[in-house]
Amino acid sequence: MVTAFLTEEARDPRIGLVTVTNVAITRDLTRASVSYVVHGDADQRDRTQEGLEAAAVAVRRRIGSELQLRVVPEVVFTPAM
């Protein structure tokens, strides 16, 4: 769902070519940590991080609209190491 959002709906020009590598959700479903890799230089990685942070609320909104969950997790993007 996160990848679909980034490829289909995200319109932020700061978000470059991103590969989502993992999504970890806490047991209580309050937080989803999305690990990703940016294909580009350090400047592109920084811009993409800013764009993903700005898009996190929209990703959460999409999750809430598509899944019937009692609690919609906070979405946090973290670069994969």
Protein backbone atom coordinates (compact mmCIF):
# COMPACT_ATOMS: atom_id res chain seq x y z
CA MET A 1 0.00 0.00 0.00
CA VAL A 2 2.85 2.41 0.78
CA THR A 3 4.60 1.67 -2.51
CA ALA A 4 1.34 2.09 -4.41
CA PHE A 5 0.79 5.46 -2.77
CA LEU A 6 4.31 6.64 -3.59
CA THR A 7 4.08 5.60 -7.24
CA GLU A 8 0.47 6.57 -7.93
CA GLU A 9 -0.49 9.47 -5.67
CA ALA A 10 2.58 11.21 -4.24
CA ARG A 11 3.09 14.44 -6.15
CA ASP A 12 5.96 15.87 -4.12
CA PRO A 13 8.85 16.62 -6.50
CA ARG A 14 11.32 16.04 -3.65
CA ILE A 15 10.53 12.30 -3.60
CA GLY A 16 12.95 10.56 -5.92
CA LEU A 17 13.26 6.92 -6.94
CA VAL A 18 12.47 4.99 -3.74
CA THR A 19 12.38 1.27 -2.97
CA VAL A 20 10.44 0.27 0.15
CA THR A 21 12.43 -2.53 1.79
CA ASN A 22 10.44 -3.26 4.96
CA VAL A 23 7.44 -2.19 7.00
CA ALA A 24 7.43 -2.96 10.72
CA ILE A 25 4.25 -2.36 12.72
CA THR A 26 4.12 -2.28 16.51
CA ARG A 27 1.92 -4.87 18.25
CA ASP A 28 -0.59 -2.22 19.29
CA LEU A 29 -0.75 -0.89 15.70
CA THR A 30 0.14 2.65 16.73
CA ARG A 31 3.29 3.00 14.61
CA ALA A 32 4.42 1.73 11.22
CA SER A 33 8.11 2.15 10.43
CA VAL A 34 8.73 2.11 6.69
CA SER A 35 12.33 1.37 5.69
CA TYR A 36 13.39 2.53 2.25
CA VAL A 37 16.36 2.99 -0.07
CA VAL A 38 16.80 6.05 -2.30
CA HIS A 39 18.53 5.60 -5.64
CA GLY A 40 20.61 8.76 -6.01
CA ASP A 41 23.26 10.92 -4.41
CA ALA A 42 23.31 12.32 -0.88
CA ASP A 43 21.43 15.47 -1.90
CA GLN A 44 18.67 13.37 -3.47
CA ARG A 45 18.48 11.21 -0.33
CA ASP A 46 18.04 14.32 1.83
CA ARG A 47 15.34 15.79 -0.41
CA THR A 48 13.53 12.45 -0.56
CA GLN A 49 13.59 12.15 3.24
CA GLU A 50 11.97 15.59 3.50
CA GLY A 51 9.35 14.65 0.93
CA LEU A 52 8.55 11.34 2.63
CA GLU A 53 8.19 13.03 6.00
CA ALA A 54 5.72 15.46 4.44
CA ALA A 55 3.82 12.58 2.77
CA ALA A 56 3.51 10.49 5.95
CA VAL A 57 0.16 12.02 6.93
CA ALA A 58 -1.28 11.31 3.47
CA VAL A 59 -0.02 7.71 3.62
CA ARG A 60 -1.70 7.29 7.01
CA ARG A 61 -4.93 8.74 5.62
CA ARG A 62 -4.84 6.26 2.71
CA ILE A 63 -4.24 3.33 5.08
CA GLY A 64 -7.19 4.48 7.17
CA SER A 65 -9.48 4.73 4.16
CA GLU A 66 -8.54 1.35 2.68
CA LEU A 67 -8.28 -0.80 5.80
CA GLN A 68 -10.85 -1.08 8.51
CA LEU A 69 -8.66 -0.72 11.57
CA ARG A 70 -9.65 0.45 15.00
CA VAL A 71 -6.37 2.35 15.19
CA VAL A 72 -4.56 3.72 12.14
CA PRO A 73 -0.80 3.64 12.74
CA GLU A 74 1.44 6.68 12.63
CA VAL A 75 3.69 6.27 9.58
CA VAL A 76 7.40 6.98 10.01
CA PHE A 77 9.89 6.71 7.14
CA THR A 78 13.42 5.60 8.03
CA PRO A 79 16.30 5.02 5.61
CA ALA A 80 17.41 1.39 5.40
CA MET A 81 20.93 0.82 6.63
